[in-house]
């Protein structure tokens, strides 16, 4: 399973669909990279790879400060999963390799 590369992801939040770009690389069970949205880019944290399951966290400030927690499954050039939106519940997400 190769997650390495650039992904365009869409997150279905309570305030509408949010778009982000994810750039990641896996080294064994560790995932590193950056996530960008709304003109801001930040490093991901706690990135993990377990087979085709991938997870990471990212701290955002827009539209408000919170930590997003992602858990996805990668299938070729597509990913699907969930994003925990701080205290605002869990959102569906989908992504495609750029």
C-alpha atoms as a PDB file:
ATOM      1  CA  UNK A   1       0.000   0.000   0.000  1.00  0.00           C
ATOM      2  CA  UNK A   2       1.521   3.273  -1.074  1.00  0.00           C
ATOM      3  CA  UNK A   3       0.126   6.390   0.565  1.00  0.00           C
ATOM      4  CA  UNK A   4       3.119   8.522  -0.431  1.00  0.00           C
ATOM      5  CA  UNK A   5       2.331  11.584  -2.500  1.00  0.00           C
ATOM      6  CA  UNK A   6      -0.142  14.419  -2.775  1.00  0.00           C
ATOM      7  CA  UNK A   7      -3.848  13.958  -2.082  1.00  0.00           C
ATOM      8  CA  UNK A   8      -6.824  16.265  -2.572  1.00  0.00           C
ATOM      9  CA  UNK A   9      -9.280  15.631   0.258  1.00  0.00           C
ATOM     10  CA  UNK A  10     -12.832  16.818   0.936  1.00  0.00           C
ATOM     11  CA  UNK A  11     -14.243  16.880   4.472  1.00  0.00           C
ATOM     12  CA  UNK A  12     -18.025  17.114   4.993  1.00  0.00           C
ATOM     13  CA  UNK A  13     -18.183  19.455   8.019  1.00  0.00           C
ATOM     14  CA  UNK A  14     -21.229  21.044   9.717  1.00  0.00           C
ATOM     15  CA  UNK A  15     -20.323  24.336   7.963  1.00  0.00           C
ATOM     16  CA  UNK A  16     -20.034  22.747   4.531  1.00  0.00           C
ATOM     17  CA  UNK A  17     -17.486  20.867   2.481  1.00  0.00           C
ATOM     18  CA  UNK A  18     -13.885  21.846   3.267  1.00  0.00           C
ATOM     19  CA  UNK A  19     -11.068  21.134   0.817  1.00  0.00           C
ATOM     20  CA  UNK A  20      -7.465  20.370   1.790  1.00  0.00           C
ATOM     21  CA  UNK A  21      -4.260  19.159   0.183  1.00  0.00           C
ATOM     22  CA  UNK A  22      -2.305  16.446   1.953  1.00  0.00           C
ATOM     23  CA  UNK A  23       1.372  15.739   1.154  1.00  0.00           C
ATOM     24  CA  UNK A  24       2.635  12.612   2.917  1.00  0.00           C
ATOM     25  CA  UNK A  25       5.377  10.014   3.008  1.00  0.00           C
ATOM     26  CA  UNK A  26       5.412   6.707   4.883  1.00  0.00           C
ATOM     27  CA  UNK A  27       8.499   5.159   6.461  1.00  0.00           C
ATOM     28  CA  UNK A  28       7.509   1.810   7.927  1.00  0.00           C
ATOM     29  CA  UNK A  29       4.623   2.511  10.292  1.00  0.00           C
ATOM     30  CA  UNK A  30       5.331   6.259  10.520  1.00  0.00           C
ATOM     31  CA  UNK A  31       3.578   8.880   8.400  1.00  0.00           C
ATOM     32  CA  UNK A  32       4.982  12.394   7.977  1.00  0.00           C
ATOM     33  CA  UNK A  33       3.951  15.352   5.884  1.00  0.00           C
ATOM     34  CA  UNK A  34       1.896  18.515   5.655  1.00  0.00           C
ATOM     35  CA  UNK A  35      -1.725  19.451   5.168  1.00  0.00           C
ATOM     36  CA  UNK A  36      -2.813  22.720   3.575  1.00  0.00           C
ATOM     37  CA  UNK A  37      -6.164  24.508   3.382  1.00  0.00           C
ATOM     38  CA  UNK A  38      -7.365  28.086   2.998  1.00  0.00           C
ATOM     39  CA  UNK A  39      -3.848  29.319   2.229  1.00  0.00           C
ATOM     40  CA  UNK A  40      -2.337  27.825   5.400  1.00  0.00           C
ATOM     41  CA  UNK A  41      -0.074  24.784   5.676  1.00  0.00           C
ATOM     42  CA  UNK A  42       0.894  22.851   8.799  1.00  0.00           C
ATOM     43  CA  UNK A  43       2.781  19.676   9.645  1.00  0.00           C
ATOM     44  CA  UNK A  44       0.797  16.588  10.502  1.00  0.00           C
ATOM     45  CA  UNK A  45       1.412  14.897  13.867  1.00  0.00           C
ATOM     46  CA  UNK A  46       0.978  11.364  15.218  1.00  0.00           C
ATOM     47  CA  UNK A  47       1.006   9.958  11.677  1.00  0.00           C
ATOM     48  CA  UNK A  48       0.658   6.177  11.529  1.00  0.00           C
ATOM     49  CA  UNK A  49       0.414   3.536   8.806  1.00  0.00           C
ATOM     50  CA  UNK A  50      -1.013   0.056   9.427  1.00  0.00           C
ATOM     51  CA  UNK A  51      -1.491  -1.796   6.162  1.00  0.00           C
ATOM     52  CA  UNK A  52      -4.020   0.225   4.175  1.00  0.00           C
ATOM     53  CA  UNK A  53      -5.143   2.133   7.296  1.00  0.00           C
ATOM     54  CA  UNK A  54      -3.630   5.576   7.820  1.00  0.00           C
ATOM     55  CA  UNK A  55      -4.149   8.096  10.611  1.00  0.00           C
ATOM     56  CA  UNK A  56      -2.822  11.531  11.509  1.00  0.00           C
ATOM     57  CA  UNK A  57      -3.683  14.721  13.369  1.00  0.00           C
ATOM     58  CA  UNK A  58      -3.432  18.342  12.335  1.00  0.00           C
ATOM     59  CA  UNK A  59      -3.936  21.513  14.375  1.00  0.00           C
ATOM     60  CA  UNK A  60      -5.935  24.204  12.559  1.00  0.00           C
ATOM     61  CA  UNK A  61      -6.871  27.799  13.349  1.00  0.00           C
ATOM     62  CA  UNK A  62      -9.472  28.436  10.624  1.00  0.00           C
ATOM     63  CA  UNK A  63     -12.435  28.545  11.009  1.00  0.00           C
ATOM     64  CA  UNK A  64     -11.472  28.144  14.701  1.00  0.00           C
ATOM     65  CA  UNK A  65      -8.611  26.577  16.656  1.00  0.00           C
ATOM     66  CA  UNK A  66      -8.954  22.795  17.033  1.00  0.00           C
ATOM     67  CA  UNK A  67      -7.146  19.542  16.377  1.00  0.00           C
ATOM     68  CA  UNK A  68      -8.530  17.386  13.584  1.00  0.00           C
ATOM     69  CA  UNK A  69      -8.007  13.617  13.867  1.00  0.00           C
ATOM     70  CA  UNK A  70      -8.062  11.630  10.620  1.00  0.00           C
ATOM     71  CA  UNK A  71      -8.556   7.875  10.149  1.00  0.00           C
ATOM     72  CA  UNK A  72      -8.696   6.654   6.546  1.00  0.00           C
ATOM     73  CA  UNK A  73      -8.350   3.604   4.344  1.00  0.00           C
ATOM     74  CA  UNK A  74      -6.335   3.888   1.147  1.00  0.00           C
ATOM     75  CA  UNK A  75      -7.381   1.919  -1.930  1.00  0.00           C
ATOM     76  CA  UNK A  76      -5.104   2.673  -4.873  1.00  0.00           C
ATOM     77  CA  UNK A  77      -5.577   6.334  -5.776  1.00  0.00           C
ATOM     78  CA  UNK A  78      -8.548   6.885  -3.440  1.00  0.00           C
ATOM     79  CA  UNK A  79      -8.992   7.275   0.287  1.00  0.00           C
ATOM     80  CA  UNK A  80     -12.115   7.290   2.441  1.00  0.00           C
ATOM     81  CA  UNK A  81     -12.575   7.706   6.138  1.00  0.00           C
ATOM     82  CA  UNK A  82     -13.507   9.887   9.054  1.00  0.00           C
ATOM     83  CA  UNK A  83     -12.281  13.123  10.587  1.00  0.00           C
ATOM     84  CA  UNK A  84     -12.923  13.944  14.234  1.00  0.00           C
ATOM     85  CA  UNK A  85     -13.661  17.686  14.383  1.00  0.00           C
ATOM     86  CA  UNK A  86     -12.598  18.450  17.946  1.00  0.00           C
ATOM     87  CA  UNK A  87     -15.812  18.696  19.977  1.00  0.00           C
ATOM     88  CA  UNK A  88     -17.955  19.097  16.825  1.00  0.00           C
ATOM     89  CA  UNK A  89     -18.410  15.421  16.015  1.00  0.00           C
ATOM     90  CA  UNK A  90     -17.116  13.221  13.232  1.00  0.00           C
ATOM     91  CA  UNK A  91     -17.193  14.049   9.531  1.00  0.00           C
ATOM     92  CA  UNK A  92     -16.879  11.850   6.448  1.00  0.00           C
ATOM     93  CA  UNK A  93     -13.992  12.460   4.115  1.00  0.00           C
ATOM     94  CA  UNK A  94     -12.921  11.328   0.697  1.00  0.00           C
ATOM     95  CA  UNK A  95      -9.728  11.923  -1.205  1.00  0.00           C
ATOM     96  CA  UNK A  96      -8.022  11.277  -4.505  1.00  0.00           C
ATOM     97  CA  UNK A  97      -4.362  11.237  -5.402  1.00  0.00           C
ATOM     98  CA  UNK A  98      -3.452  14.502  -7.119  1.00  0.00           C
END
